[in-house]
Amino acid sequence: MKTLRFQRRTRIEASAEAVFAWHARPGALERLVPPWERVAVEERAGGIEDGARVVLRVDAGPIRLRWVAVHDEVVPGRQFCDRQDRGPFRYWRHCHRFEPDGSAACQLEDDVEYALPLGPLGTMVAGGRVRQKLARMFAFRHAVSKADVEAHAARKGLAPMHVVVTGSRGLVGSALAPFLTTGGHRVTRLVRRTTAGPDEAVLDPLRGL
């Protein structure tokens, strides 16, 4: 099977360990999904360790797909990979690498090896479009990673906070909550329905809740 490869590198003014830790915290995946992509996390088992599993729902026009990814080759502070167990590609393996670059910076590298369905025909028909999509997506991911990590690093003397967020599913709240959790803060989302997890609390002033 012939595979294709996509790579992107960005220098971040923070240690490799700090950038790895940012990726390992709750909310990192949500921060890295571009707003134009219709992707939602359906299930998550574990964090960043060998065997951890994530199930994504991907809406591609009228088609709804499930993408199951499994982490492996984890080297704390330096690397983790994920392979597609089920999804839209014939083959997908994505390695995230964090290489020290001087005493207080690192190089973030995303290295993706993939193959499209239908072999050479799939590559001929959709190869160029898929590569353009990957370039746009990883440009966004690297810009967010760099901006977020460097913003948190600039406030490294700030003690972790407990932040209560209203409107956490809205345009601002859905970005703010994962920004805070990836910085090491604890977030409680106020909701007007039954809670769906330990990070949510009901807000119902009419019933005094």
N, C-alpha and C. Protein backbone atom coordinates (compact mmCIF):
# COMPACT_ATOMS: atom_id res chain seq x y z
N MET A 1 0.84 -1.20 0.00
CA MET A 1 0.00 0.00 0.00
C MET A 1 0.88 1.25 0.00
N LYS A 2 0.69 2.10 -0.98
CA LYS A 2 1.43 3.35 -1.05
C LYS A 2 0.78 4.38 -0.16
N THR A 3 1.58 5.05 0.67
CA THR A 3 1.05 6.07 1.56
C THR A 3 1.59 7.45 1.19
N LEU A 4 0.87 8.46 1.62
CA LEU A 4 1.26 9.86 1.44
C LEU A 4 1.70 10.41 2.79
N ARG A 5 2.38 11.56 2.77
CA ARG A 5 2.89 12.11 4.01
C ARG A 5 2.68 13.62 4.04
N PHE A 6 2.31 14.10 5.22
CA PHE A 6 2.17 15.54 5.45
C PHE A 6 2.89 15.89 6.75
N GLN A 7 3.69 16.96 6.75
CA GLN A 7 4.41 17.40 7.94
C GLN A 7 4.30 18.91 8.11
N ARG A 8 4.28 19.33 9.35
CA ARG A 8 4.33 20.76 9.67
C ARG A 8 5.08 20.95 10.98
N ARG A 9 5.95 21.97 11.01
CA ARG A 9 6.74 22.28 12.20
C ARG A 9 6.56 23.75 12.57
N THR A 10 6.51 24.02 13.88
CA THR A 10 6.38 25.38 14.38
C THR A 10 7.19 25.52 15.65
N ARG A 11 7.91 26.62 15.77
CA ARG A 11 8.67 26.90 16.99
C ARG A 11 7.75 27.56 18.02
N ILE A 12 7.77 27.06 19.24
CA ILE A 12 6.95 27.61 20.32
C ILE A 12 7.86 28.01 21.46
N GLU A 13 7.61 29.19 22.01
CA GLU A 13 8.43 29.70 23.10
C GLU A 13 7.98 29.10 24.43
N ALA A 14 8.19 27.83 24.56
CA ALA A 14 7.90 27.08 25.80
C ALA A 14 8.62 25.76 25.68
N SER A 15 8.85 25.11 26.80
CA SER A 15 9.59 23.86 26.79
C SER A 15 8.78 22.75 26.13
N ALA A 16 9.48 21.73 25.67
CA ALA A 16 8.80 20.57 25.08
C ALA A 16 7.86 19.94 26.08
N GLU A 17 8.26 19.89 27.34
CA GLU A 17 7.41 19.31 28.38
C GLU A 17 6.14 20.11 28.56
N ALA A 18 6.23 21.44 28.49
CA ALA A 18 5.04 22.29 28.66
C ALA A 18 4.07 22.12 27.50
N VAL A 19 4.59 22.00 26.29
CA VAL A 19 3.71 21.85 25.12
C VAL A 19 3.07 20.46 25.12
N PHE A 20 3.83 19.44 25.51
CA PHE A 20 3.27 18.10 25.65
C PHE A 20 2.15 18.12 26.70
N ALA A 21 2.41 18.77 27.85
CA ALA A 21 1.40 18.83 28.92
C ALA A 21 0.14 19.53 28.44
N TRP A 22 0.28 20.58 27.64
CA TRP A 22 -0.89 21.28 27.09
C TRP A 22 -1.74 20.32 26.27
N HIS A 23 -1.09 19.50 25.44
CA HIS A 23 -1.83 18.54 24.61
C HIS A 23 -2.49 17.45 25.45
N ALA A 24 -1.93 17.16 26.63
CA ALA A 24 -2.45 16.07 27.45
C ALA A 24 -3.62 16.49 28.33
N ARG A 25 -3.86 17.79 28.49
CA ARG A 25 -4.91 18.25 29.40
C ARG A 25 -6.28 18.21 28.74
N PRO A 26 -7.35 18.14 29.56
CA PRO A 26 -8.71 18.17 29.01
C PRO A 26 -8.94 19.44 28.21
N GLY A 27 -9.59 19.28 27.07
CA GLY A 27 -9.91 20.44 26.23
C GLY A 27 -8.98 20.65 25.06
N ALA A 28 -7.82 19.97 25.05
CA ALA A 28 -6.86 20.20 23.96
C ALA A 28 -7.44 19.82 22.61
N LEU A 29 -8.10 18.68 22.54
CA LEU A 29 -8.67 18.25 21.27
C LEU A 29 -9.71 19.24 20.79
N GLU A 30 -10.54 19.73 21.72
CA GLU A 30 -11.56 20.72 21.34
C GLU A 30 -10.93 22.02 20.83
N ARG A 31 -9.80 22.42 21.43
CA ARG A 31 -9.12 23.63 20.96
C ARG A 31 -8.53 23.43 19.57
N LEU A 32 -8.15 22.20 19.24
CA LEU A 32 -7.45 21.94 17.98
C LEU A 32 -8.37 21.66 16.80
N VAL A 33 -9.67 21.51 17.05
CA VAL A 33 -10.61 21.27 15.94
C VAL A 33 -10.96 22.62 15.31
N PRO A 34 -10.66 22.82 14.02
CA PRO A 34 -10.99 24.09 13.38
C PRO A 34 -12.50 24.36 13.42
N PRO A 35 -12.90 25.62 13.55
CA PRO A 35 -14.33 25.93 13.66
C PRO A 35 -15.14 25.59 12.42
N TRP A 36 -14.47 25.45 11.28
CA TRP A 36 -15.21 25.10 10.06
C TRP A 36 -15.42 23.59 9.92
N GLU A 37 -14.78 22.79 10.78
CA GLU A 37 -14.96 21.35 10.74
C GLU A 37 -16.08 20.95 11.71
N ARG A 38 -16.97 20.10 11.26
CA ARG A 38 -18.07 19.64 12.11
C ARG A 38 -17.66 18.32 12.76
N VAL A 39 -16.94 18.44 13.87
CA VAL A 39 -16.38 17.29 14.58
C VAL A 39 -16.75 17.41 16.05
N ALA A 40 -17.18 16.31 16.64
CA ALA A 40 -17.53 16.29 18.06
C ALA A 40 -16.98 15.02 18.70
N VAL A 41 -16.53 15.14 19.94
CA VAL A 41 -16.03 13.99 20.69
C VAL A 41 -17.23 13.22 21.24
N GLU A 42 -17.36 11.95 20.85
CA GLU A 42 -18.44 11.10 21.35
C GLU A 42 -18.02 10.29 22.57
N GLU A 43 -16.81 9.76 22.53
CA GLU A 43 -16.31 8.95 23.65
C GLU A 43 -14.82 9.23 23.84
N ARG A 44 -14.38 9.05 25.07
CA ARG A 44 -12.96 9.20 25.37
C ARG A 44 -12.60 8.23 26.48
N ALA A 45 -11.61 7.39 26.24
CA ALA A 45 -11.15 6.44 27.25
C ALA A 45 -9.66 6.68 27.49
N GLY A 46 -9.33 7.31 28.63
CA GLY A 46 -7.94 7.63 28.92
C GLY A 46 -7.56 8.99 28.38
N GLY A 47 -6.32 9.36 28.64
CA GLY A 47 -5.81 10.64 28.17
C GLY A 47 -4.80 10.41 27.07
N ILE A 48 -3.54 10.77 27.32
CA ILE A 48 -2.47 10.48 26.36
C ILE A 48 -1.58 9.41 26.99
N GLU A 49 -1.93 8.18 26.71
CA GLU A 49 -1.11 7.04 27.11
C GLU A 49 -1.37 5.92 26.12
N ASP A 50 -0.45 4.96 26.06
CA ASP A 50 -0.62 3.85 25.13
C ASP A 50 -1.97 3.16 25.37
N GLY A 51 -2.74 2.99 24.29
CA GLY A 51 -4.02 2.31 24.38
C GLY A 51 -5.20 3.23 24.62
N ALA A 52 -4.97 4.51 24.93
CA ALA A 52 -6.08 5.45 25.10
C ALA A 52 -6.84 5.58 23.78
N ARG A 53 -8.16 5.79 23.87
CA ARG A 53 -9.02 5.72 22.69
C ARG A 53 -9.96 6.92 22.65
N VAL A 54 -10.13 7.47 21.46
CA VAL A 54 -11.05 8.59 21.25
C VAL A 54 -11.96 8.25 20.08
N VAL A 55 -13.26 8.51 20.26
CA VAL A 55 -14.24 8.31 19.19
C VAL A 55 -14.80 9.68 18.81
N LEU A 56 -14.65 10.03 17.54
CA LEU A 56 -15.14 11.30 17.03
C LEU A 56 -16.31 11.09 16.09
N ARG A 57 -17.25 12.03 16.11
CA ARG A 57 -18.30 12.07 15.10
C ARG A 57 -17.94 13.15 14.11
N VAL A 58 -17.84 12.76 12.84
CA VAL A 58 -17.44 13.69 11.78
C VAL A 58 -18.60 13.82 10.81
N ASP A 59 -19.11 15.04 10.67
CA ASP A 59 -20.20 15.30 9.72
C ASP A 59 -19.60 15.90 8.46
N ALA A 60 -19.63 15.14 7.37
CA ALA A 60 -19.12 15.58 6.08
C ALA A 60 -20.30 15.77 5.14
N GLY A 61 -20.87 16.98 5.15
CA GLY A 61 -22.09 17.21 4.36
C GLY A 61 -23.22 16.36 4.93
N PRO A 62 -23.92 15.62 4.08
CA PRO A 62 -25.01 14.77 4.57
C PRO A 62 -24.54 13.46 5.18
N ILE A 63 -23.22 13.20 5.12
CA ILE A 63 -22.68 11.92 5.59
C ILE A 63 -22.14 12.09 7.01
N ARG A 64 -22.51 11.19 7.90
CA ARG A 64 -22.00 11.18 9.27
C ARG A 64 -21.08 9.98 9.45
N LEU A 65 -19.83 10.26 9.86
CA LEU A 65 -18.83 9.20 10.03
C LEU A 65 -18.39 9.12 11.48
N ARG A 66 -17.90 7.97 11.87
CA ARG A 66 -17.27 7.79 13.19
C ARG A 66 -15.79 7.52 12.97
N TRP A 67 -14.96 8.27 13.66
CA TRP A 67 -13.52 8.12 13.55
C TRP A 67 -13.02 7.65 14.91
N VAL A 68 -12.44 6.45 14.94
CA VAL A 68 -11.91 5.88 16.17
C VAL A 68 -10.39 5.92 16.09
N ALA A 69 -9.77 6.61 17.04
CA ALA A 69 -8.31 6.74 17.08
C ALA A 69 -7.77 6.13 18.37
N VAL A 70 -6.63 5.47 18.27
CA VAL A 70 -5.98 4.83 19.42
C VAL A 70 -4.56 5.38 19.54
N HIS A 71 -4.16 5.80 20.75
CA HIS A 71 -2.83 6.34 20.98
C HIS A 71 -1.81 5.21 21.20
N ASP A 72 -0.60 5.44 20.71
CA ASP A 72 0.51 4.53 20.99
C ASP A 72 1.83 5.28 20.84
N GLU A 73 2.93 4.57 21.07
CA GLU A 73 4.28 5.14 20.98
C GLU A 73 4.40 6.43 21.79
N VAL A 74 3.85 6.40 23.00
CA VAL A 74 3.89 7.59 23.85
C VAL A 74 5.24 7.67 24.57
N VAL A 75 5.90 8.81 24.41
CA VAL A 75 7.13 9.11 25.14
C VAL A 75 6.85 10.41 25.90
N PRO A 76 6.58 10.35 27.20
CA PRO A 76 6.18 11.54 27.95
C PRO A 76 7.12 12.72 27.73
N GLY A 77 6.52 13.85 27.39
CA GLY A 77 7.28 15.07 27.17
C GLY A 77 7.89 15.19 25.80
N ARG A 78 7.80 14.15 24.97
CA ARG A 78 8.46 14.17 23.67
C ARG A 78 7.56 13.76 22.49
N GLN A 79 6.65 12.81 22.69
CA GLN A 79 5.92 12.29 21.53
C GLN A 79 4.70 11.50 21.95
N PHE A 80 3.67 11.56 21.10
CA PHE A 80 2.60 10.56 21.13
C PHE A 80 2.05 10.44 19.72
N CYS A 81 1.57 9.24 19.40
CA CYS A 81 1.01 8.98 18.07
C CYS A 81 -0.42 8.49 18.20
N ASP A 82 -1.18 8.65 17.15
CA ASP A 82 -2.50 8.03 17.10
C ASP A 82 -2.70 7.40 15.74
N ARG A 83 -3.30 6.23 15.75
CA ARG A 83 -3.59 5.53 14.51
C ARG A 83 -5.11 5.38 14.37
N GLN A 84 -5.56 5.44 13.14
CA GLN A 84 -6.99 5.24 12.88
C GLN A 84 -7.34 3.77 13.02
N ASP A 85 -8.25 3.47 13.93
CA ASP A 85 -8.76 2.12 14.07
C ASP A 85 -9.98 1.93 13.18
N ARG A 86 -10.70 3.03 12.99
CA ARG A 86 -11.87 3.03 12.10
C ARG A 86 -12.10 4.46 11.67
N GLY A 87 -12.38 4.67 10.38
CA GLY A 87 -12.58 6.03 9.92
C GLY A 87 -12.57 6.15 8.41
N PRO A 88 -12.46 7.40 7.92
CA PRO A 88 -12.63 7.64 6.48
C PRO A 88 -11.41 7.31 5.62
N PHE A 89 -10.22 7.18 6.24
CA PHE A 89 -9.02 6.91 5.46
C PHE A 89 -8.77 5.40 5.36
N ARG A 90 -8.07 5.03 4.32
CA ARG A 90 -7.65 3.63 4.22
C ARG A 90 -6.58 3.35 5.26
N TYR A 91 -5.74 4.37 5.52
CA TYR A 91 -4.70 4.26 6.54
C TYR A 91 -4.43 5.65 7.06
N TRP A 92 -4.22 5.78 8.38
CA TRP A 92 -3.92 7.08 8.98
C TRP A 92 -3.06 6.85 10.22
N ARG A 93 -1.93 7.50 10.28
CA ARG A 93 -1.07 7.47 11.46
C ARG A 93 -0.51 8.87 11.65
N HIS A 94 -0.74 9.42 12.82
CA HIS A 94 -0.38 10.81 13.10
C HIS A 94 0.50 10.85 14.34
N CYS A 95 1.74 11.32 14.19
CA CYS A 95 2.65 11.45 15.32
C CYS A 95 2.85 12.92 15.66
N HIS A 96 2.70 13.23 16.93
CA HIS A 96 2.92 14.57 17.46
C HIS A 96 4.27 14.53 18.18
N ARG A 97 5.20 15.39 17.78
CA ARG A 97 6.53 15.38 18.38
C ARG A 97 6.86 16.75 18.96
N PHE A 98 7.62 16.73 20.06
CA PHE A 98 7.98 17.94 20.78
C PHE A 98 9.49 17.90 21.03
N GLU A 99 10.25 18.67 20.24
CA GLU A 99 11.71 18.61 20.29
C GLU A 99 12.26 19.89 20.90
N PRO A 100 13.06 19.79 21.96
CA PRO A 100 13.66 20.99 22.57
C PRO A 100 14.43 21.80 21.52
N ASP A 101 14.31 23.12 21.62
CA ASP A 101 15.01 24.04 20.72
C ASP A 101 15.56 25.17 21.58
N GLY A 102 16.73 24.94 22.15
CA GLY A 102 17.27 25.90 23.10
C GLY A 102 16.76 25.59 24.51
N SER A 103 17.02 26.49 25.43
CA SER A 103 16.70 26.23 26.84
C SER A 103 15.24 26.47 27.18
N ALA A 104 14.52 27.28 26.39
CA ALA A 104 13.15 27.64 26.77
C ALA A 104 12.19 27.62 25.58
N ALA A 105 12.47 26.80 24.59
CA ALA A 105 11.59 26.72 23.41
C ALA A 105 11.63 25.29 22.87
N CYS A 106 10.73 25.02 21.94
CA CYS A 106 10.69 23.69 21.32
C CYS A 106 10.13 23.79 19.92
N GLN A 107 10.30 22.74 19.17
CA GLN A 107 9.70 22.59 17.85
C GLN A 107 8.53 21.62 17.97
N LEU A 108 7.35 22.09 17.63
CA LEU A 108 6.18 21.22 17.55
C LEU A 108 6.11 20.66 16.13
N GLU A 109 6.08 19.35 16.01
CA GLU A 109 5.99 18.73 14.68
C GLU A 109 4.79 17.78 14.63
N ASP A 110 4.00 17.94 13.59
CA ASP A 110 2.94 16.97 13.27
C ASP A 110 3.37 16.24 12.01
N ASP A 111 3.40 14.93 12.10
CA ASP A 111 3.86 14.07 11.01
C ASP A 111 2.74 13.06 10.73
N VAL A 112 2.09 13.20 9.58
CA VAL A 112 0.94 12.37 9.24
C VAL A 112 1.27 11.50 8.03
N GLU A 113 1.08 10.20 8.18
CA GLU A 113 1.20 9.26 7.06
C GLU A 113 -0.19 8.70 6.81
N TYR A 114 -0.65 8.77 5.56
CA TYR A 114 -2.04 8.39 5.29
C TYR A 114 -2.18 7.80 3.89
N ALA A 115 -3.27 7.08 3.70
CA ALA A 115 -3.63 6.55 2.38
C ALA A 115 -5.13 6.74 2.21
N LEU A 116 -5.53 7.12 1.02
CA LEU A 116 -6.94 7.36 0.73
C LEU A 116 -7.62 6.08 0.26
N PRO A 117 -8.93 6.00 0.41
CA PRO A 117 -9.66 4.84 -0.11
C PRO A 117 -9.51 4.75 -1.64
N LEU A 118 -9.71 3.59 -2.18
CA LEU A 118 -9.71 3.32 -3.62
C LEU A 118 -8.31 3.38 -4.24
N GLY A 119 -7.28 3.39 -3.40
CA GLY A 119 -5.92 3.30 -3.91
C GLY A 119 -5.53 4.43 -4.84
N PRO A 120 -4.84 4.14 -5.96
CA PRO A 120 -4.39 5.20 -6.87
C PRO A 120 -5.53 6.05 -7.41
N LEU A 121 -6.71 5.45 -7.61
CA LEU A 121 -7.84 6.23 -8.10
C LEU A 121 -8.26 7.28 -7.08
N GLY A 122 -8.33 6.87 -5.82
CA GLY A 122 -8.69 7.82 -4.77
C GLY A 122 -7.68 8.95 -4.66
N THR A 123 -6.40 8.62 -4.80
CA THR A 123 -5.35 9.64 -4.73
C THR A 123 -5.46 10.60 -5.91
N MET A 124 -5.74 10.07 -7.10
CA MET A 124 -5.85 10.90 -8.30
C MET A 124 -7.04 11.85 -8.19
N VAL A 125 -8.15 11.35 -7.69
CA VAL A 125 -9.38 12.14 -7.65
C VAL A 125 -9.36 13.15 -6.50
N ALA A 126 -8.91 12.72 -5.32
CA ALA A 126 -9.06 13.57 -4.12
C ALA A 126 -7.74 13.93 -3.44
N GLY A 127 -6.61 13.45 -3.94
CA GLY A 127 -5.34 13.66 -3.26
C GLY A 127 -4.99 15.12 -3.05
N GLY A 128 -5.14 15.93 -4.08
CA GLY A 128 -4.81 17.35 -3.98
C GLY A 128 -5.71 18.07 -3.01
N ARG A 129 -7.01 17.76 -3.05
CA ARG A 129 -7.97 18.42 -2.15
C ARG A 129 -7.71 18.05 -0.70
N VAL A 130 -7.39 16.77 -0.45
CA VAL A 130 -7.11 16.33 0.92
C VAL A 130 -5.87 17.01 1.45
N ARG A 131 -4.83 17.14 0.62
CA ARG A 131 -3.60 17.79 1.09
C ARG A 131 -3.85 19.26 1.41
N GLN A 132 -4.65 19.94 0.59
CA GLN A 132 -4.99 21.33 0.87
C GLN A 132 -5.75 21.44 2.19
N LYS A 133 -6.64 20.50 2.42
CA LYS A 133 -7.42 20.50 3.67
C LYS A 133 -6.52 20.27 4.87
N LEU A 134 -5.55 19.35 4.75
CA LEU A 134 -4.62 19.11 5.84
C LEU A 134 -3.76 20.34 6.11
N ALA A 135 -3.31 21.01 5.04
CA ALA A 135 -2.48 22.21 5.22
C ALA A 135 -3.25 23.29 5.96
N ARG A 136 -4.50 23.48 5.60
CA ARG A 136 -5.31 24.51 6.26
C ARG A 136 -5.59 24.12 7.72
N MET A 137 -5.90 22.85 7.95
CA MET A 137 -6.23 22.40 9.29
C MET A 137 -5.02 22.51 10.22
N PHE A 138 -3.84 22.07 9.76
CA PHE A 138 -2.68 22.09 10.64
C PHE A 138 -2.12 23.50 10.79
N ALA A 139 -2.35 24.38 9.85
CA ALA A 139 -1.99 25.79 10.05
C ALA A 139 -2.79 26.35 11.22
N PHE A 140 -4.07 26.02 11.28
CA PHE A 140 -4.92 26.45 12.39
C PHE A 140 -4.45 25.82 13.70
N ARG A 141 -4.21 24.52 13.69
CA ARG A 141 -3.82 23.81 14.91
C ARG A 141 -2.52 24.38 15.49
N HIS A 142 -1.54 24.64 14.62
CA HIS A 142 -0.27 25.16 15.11
C HIS A 142 -0.40 26.60 15.61
N ALA A 143 -1.23 27.39 14.94
CA ALA A 143 -1.44 28.76 15.40
C ALA A 143 -2.08 28.78 16.78
N VAL A 144 -3.08 27.91 16.99
CA VAL A 144 -3.75 27.84 18.29
C VAL A 144 -2.80 27.31 19.36
N SER A 145 -2.08 26.23 19.05
CA SER A 145 -1.15 25.66 20.03
C SER A 145 -0.14 26.71 20.47
N LYS A 146 0.48 27.40 19.52
CA LYS A 146 1.50 28.40 19.83
C LYS A 146 0.91 29.54 20.66
N ALA A 147 -0.23 30.08 20.23
CA ALA A 147 -0.83 31.22 20.94
C ALA A 147 -1.25 30.83 22.35
N ASP A 148 -1.90 29.67 22.49
CA ASP A 148 -2.38 29.25 23.81
C ASP A 148 -1.24 28.96 24.77
N VAL A 149 -0.28 28.15 24.32
CA VAL A 149 0.83 27.77 25.20
C VAL A 149 1.62 28.99 25.63
N GLU A 150 1.91 29.89 24.69
CA GLU A 150 2.70 31.06 25.04
C GLU A 150 1.92 32.02 25.93
N ALA A 151 0.58 32.08 25.75
CA ALA A 151 -0.24 32.91 26.64
C ALA A 151 -0.21 32.37 28.06
N HIS A 152 -0.33 31.06 28.21
CA HIS A 152 -0.27 30.46 29.55
C HIS A 152 1.13 30.58 30.15
N ALA A 153 2.16 30.42 29.32
CA ALA A 153 3.53 30.51 29.82
C ALA A 153 3.82 31.91 30.36
N ALA A 154 3.22 32.93 29.73
CA ALA A 154 3.44 34.31 30.18
C ALA A 154 2.83 34.58 31.54
N ARG A 155 1.93 33.69 31.98
CA ARG A 155 1.27 33.84 33.28
C ARG A 155 1.56 32.65 34.18
N LYS A 156 2.76 32.11 34.05
CA LYS A 156 3.10 30.88 34.77
C LYS A 156 3.11 31.07 36.28
N GLY A 157 3.18 32.33 36.75
CA GLY A 157 3.14 32.56 38.18
C GLY A 157 1.73 32.56 38.75
N LEU A 158 0.73 32.50 37.88
CA LEU A 158 -0.67 32.53 38.31
C LEU A 158 -1.07 31.16 38.84
N ALA A 159 -1.61 31.11 40.05
CA ALA A 159 -2.05 29.84 40.62
C ALA A 159 -3.26 29.31 39.86
N PRO A 160 -3.40 27.99 39.75
CA PRO A 160 -4.58 27.43 39.07
C PRO A 160 -5.87 27.92 39.74
N MET A 161 -6.86 28.23 38.90
CA MET A 161 -8.11 28.79 39.38
C MET A 161 -9.27 27.82 39.13
N HIS A 162 -10.36 28.04 39.84
CA HIS A 162 -11.63 27.36 39.56
C HIS A 162 -12.55 28.40 38.95
N VAL A 163 -12.88 28.21 37.67
CA VAL A 163 -13.66 29.19 36.93
C VAL A 163 -15.02 28.60 36.60
N VAL A 164 -16.08 29.34 36.93
CA VAL A 164 -17.44 28.93 36.62
C VAL A 164 -17.87 29.67 35.36
N VAL A 165 -18.33 28.94 34.35
CA VAL A 165 -18.63 29.52 33.04
C VAL A 165 -20.09 29.33 32.70
N THR A 166 -20.78 30.42 32.42
CA THR A 166 -22.14 30.34 31.88
C THR A 166 -22.03 30.42 30.35
N GLY A 167 -23.03 29.92 29.65
CA GLY A 167 -22.99 29.95 28.19
C GLY A 167 -21.84 29.16 27.62
N SER A 168 -21.48 28.06 28.29
CA SER A 168 -20.29 27.32 27.90
C SER A 168 -20.44 26.58 26.57
N ARG A 169 -21.66 26.46 26.05
CA ARG A 169 -21.86 25.82 24.76
C ARG A 169 -22.01 26.84 23.63
N GLY A 170 -21.93 28.11 23.97
CA GLY A 170 -22.05 29.16 22.96
C GLY A 170 -20.74 29.42 22.24
N LEU A 171 -20.73 30.44 21.40
CA LEU A 171 -19.57 30.74 20.56
C LEU A 171 -18.34 31.06 21.40
N VAL A 172 -18.51 31.91 22.43
CA VAL A 172 -17.38 32.30 23.26
C VAL A 172 -17.06 31.21 24.29
N GLY A 173 -18.09 30.73 24.98
CA GLY A 173 -17.87 29.76 26.05
C GLY A 173 -17.25 28.46 25.57
N SER A 174 -17.61 28.02 24.37
CA SER A 174 -17.09 26.75 23.86
C SER A 174 -15.60 26.84 23.54
N ALA A 175 -15.09 28.05 23.35
CA ALA A 175 -13.65 28.24 23.16
C ALA A 175 -12.96 28.56 24.47
N LEU A 176 -13.65 29.32 25.34
CA LEU A 176 -13.05 29.74 26.61
C LEU A 176 -12.79 28.57 27.55
N ALA A 177 -13.77 27.69 27.69
CA ALA A 177 -13.63 26.59 28.66
C ALA A 177 -12.41 25.71 28.35
N PRO A 178 -12.23 25.21 27.12
CA PRO A 178 -11.02 24.40 26.86
C PRO A 178 -9.73 25.21 26.90
N PHE A 179 -9.80 26.51 26.60
CA PHE A 179 -8.60 27.35 26.75
C PHE A 179 -8.15 27.34 28.20
N LEU A 180 -9.10 27.43 29.12
CA LEU A 180 -8.76 27.46 30.53
C LEU A 180 -8.26 26.10 31.03
N THR A 181 -8.94 25.01 30.63
CA THR A 181 -8.54 23.69 31.14
C THR A 181 -7.17 23.28 30.60
N THR A 182 -6.84 23.65 29.37
CA THR A 182 -5.52 23.32 28.85
C THR A 182 -4.43 24.13 29.53
N GLY A 183 -4.83 25.22 30.19
CA GLY A 183 -3.87 26.00 30.96
C GLY A 183 -3.72 25.52 32.39
N GLY A 184 -4.42 24.43 32.74
CA GLY A 184 -4.30 23.86 34.07
C GLY A 184 -5.34 24.33 35.06
N HIS A 185 -6.34 25.09 34.58
CA HIS A 185 -7.39 25.57 35.46
C HIS A 185 -8.57 24.60 35.46
N ARG A 186 -9.38 24.67 36.50
CA ARG A 186 -10.58 23.84 36.62
C ARG A 186 -11.78 24.66 36.18
N VAL A 187 -12.65 24.07 35.37
CA VAL A 187 -13.83 24.76 34.86
C VAL A 187 -15.09 24.00 35.26
N THR A 188 -16.06 24.74 35.78
CA THR A 188 -17.41 24.19 35.99
C THR A 188 -18.35 24.92 35.05
N ARG A 189 -19.05 24.16 34.23
CA ARG A 189 -20.00 24.72 33.26
C ARG A 189 -21.39 24.76 33.89
N LEU A 190 -22.02 25.92 33.87
CA LEU A 190 -23.38 26.03 34.37
C LEU A 190 -24.35 25.74 33.23
N VAL A 191 -25.27 24.79 33.46
CA VAL A 191 -26.22 24.37 32.43
C VAL A 191 -27.64 24.46 32.97
N ARG A 192 -28.62 24.51 32.08
CA ARG A 192 -30.03 24.62 32.48
C ARG A 192 -30.77 23.30 32.28
N ARG A 193 -30.02 22.22 32.20
CA ARG A 193 -30.61 20.89 32.03
C ARG A 193 -29.93 19.95 33.00
N THR A 194 -30.24 18.68 32.89
CA THR A 194 -29.56 17.70 33.74
C THR A 194 -28.08 17.66 33.40
N THR A 195 -27.24 17.59 34.41
CA THR A 195 -25.81 17.58 34.18
C THR A 195 -25.39 16.31 33.44
N ALA A 196 -24.35 16.45 32.58
CA ALA A 196 -23.87 15.32 31.78
C ALA A 196 -22.50 14.84 32.24
N GLY A 197 -21.95 15.47 33.28
CA GLY A 197 -20.63 15.06 33.74
C GLY A 197 -20.24 15.83 34.98
N PRO A 198 -19.11 15.46 35.59
CA PRO A 198 -18.68 16.09 36.84
C PRO A 198 -18.27 17.54 36.69
N ASP A 199 -18.04 17.99 35.44
CA ASP A 199 -17.63 19.38 35.24
C ASP A 199 -18.82 20.30 34.99
N GLU A 200 -20.05 19.82 35.20
CA GLU A 200 -21.24 20.63 34.98
C GLU A 200 -22.05 20.78 36.28
N ALA A 201 -22.75 21.90 36.39
CA ALA A 201 -23.64 22.16 37.52
C ALA A 201 -24.89 22.84 36.99
N VAL A 202 -26.05 22.52 37.58
CA VAL A 202 -27.32 23.08 37.12
C VAL A 202 -27.48 24.51 37.63
N LEU A 203 -27.89 25.39 36.75
CA LEU A 203 -28.26 26.77 37.11
C LEU A 203 -29.74 26.95 36.77
N ASP A 204 -30.57 27.05 37.80
CA ASP A 204 -32.02 27.23 37.61
C ASP A 204 -32.52 28.20 38.68
N PRO A 205 -32.41 29.52 38.43
CA PRO A 205 -32.79 30.49 39.44
C PRO A 205 -34.25 30.37 39.88
N LEU A 206 -35.13 29.96 38.98
CA LEU A 206 -36.56 29.87 39.34
C LEU A 206 -36.81 28.82 40.42
N ARG A 207 -35.97 27.80 40.47
CA ARG A 207 -36.10 26.77 41.51
C ARG A 207 -35.07 26.94 42.62
N GLY A 208 -34.32 28.04 42.57
CA GLY A 208 -33.33 28.29 43.60
C GLY A 208 -32.12 27.41 43.53
N LEU A 209 -31.82 26.89 42.33
CA LEU A 209 -30.64 26.02 42.15
C LEU A 209 -29.51 26.82 41.51
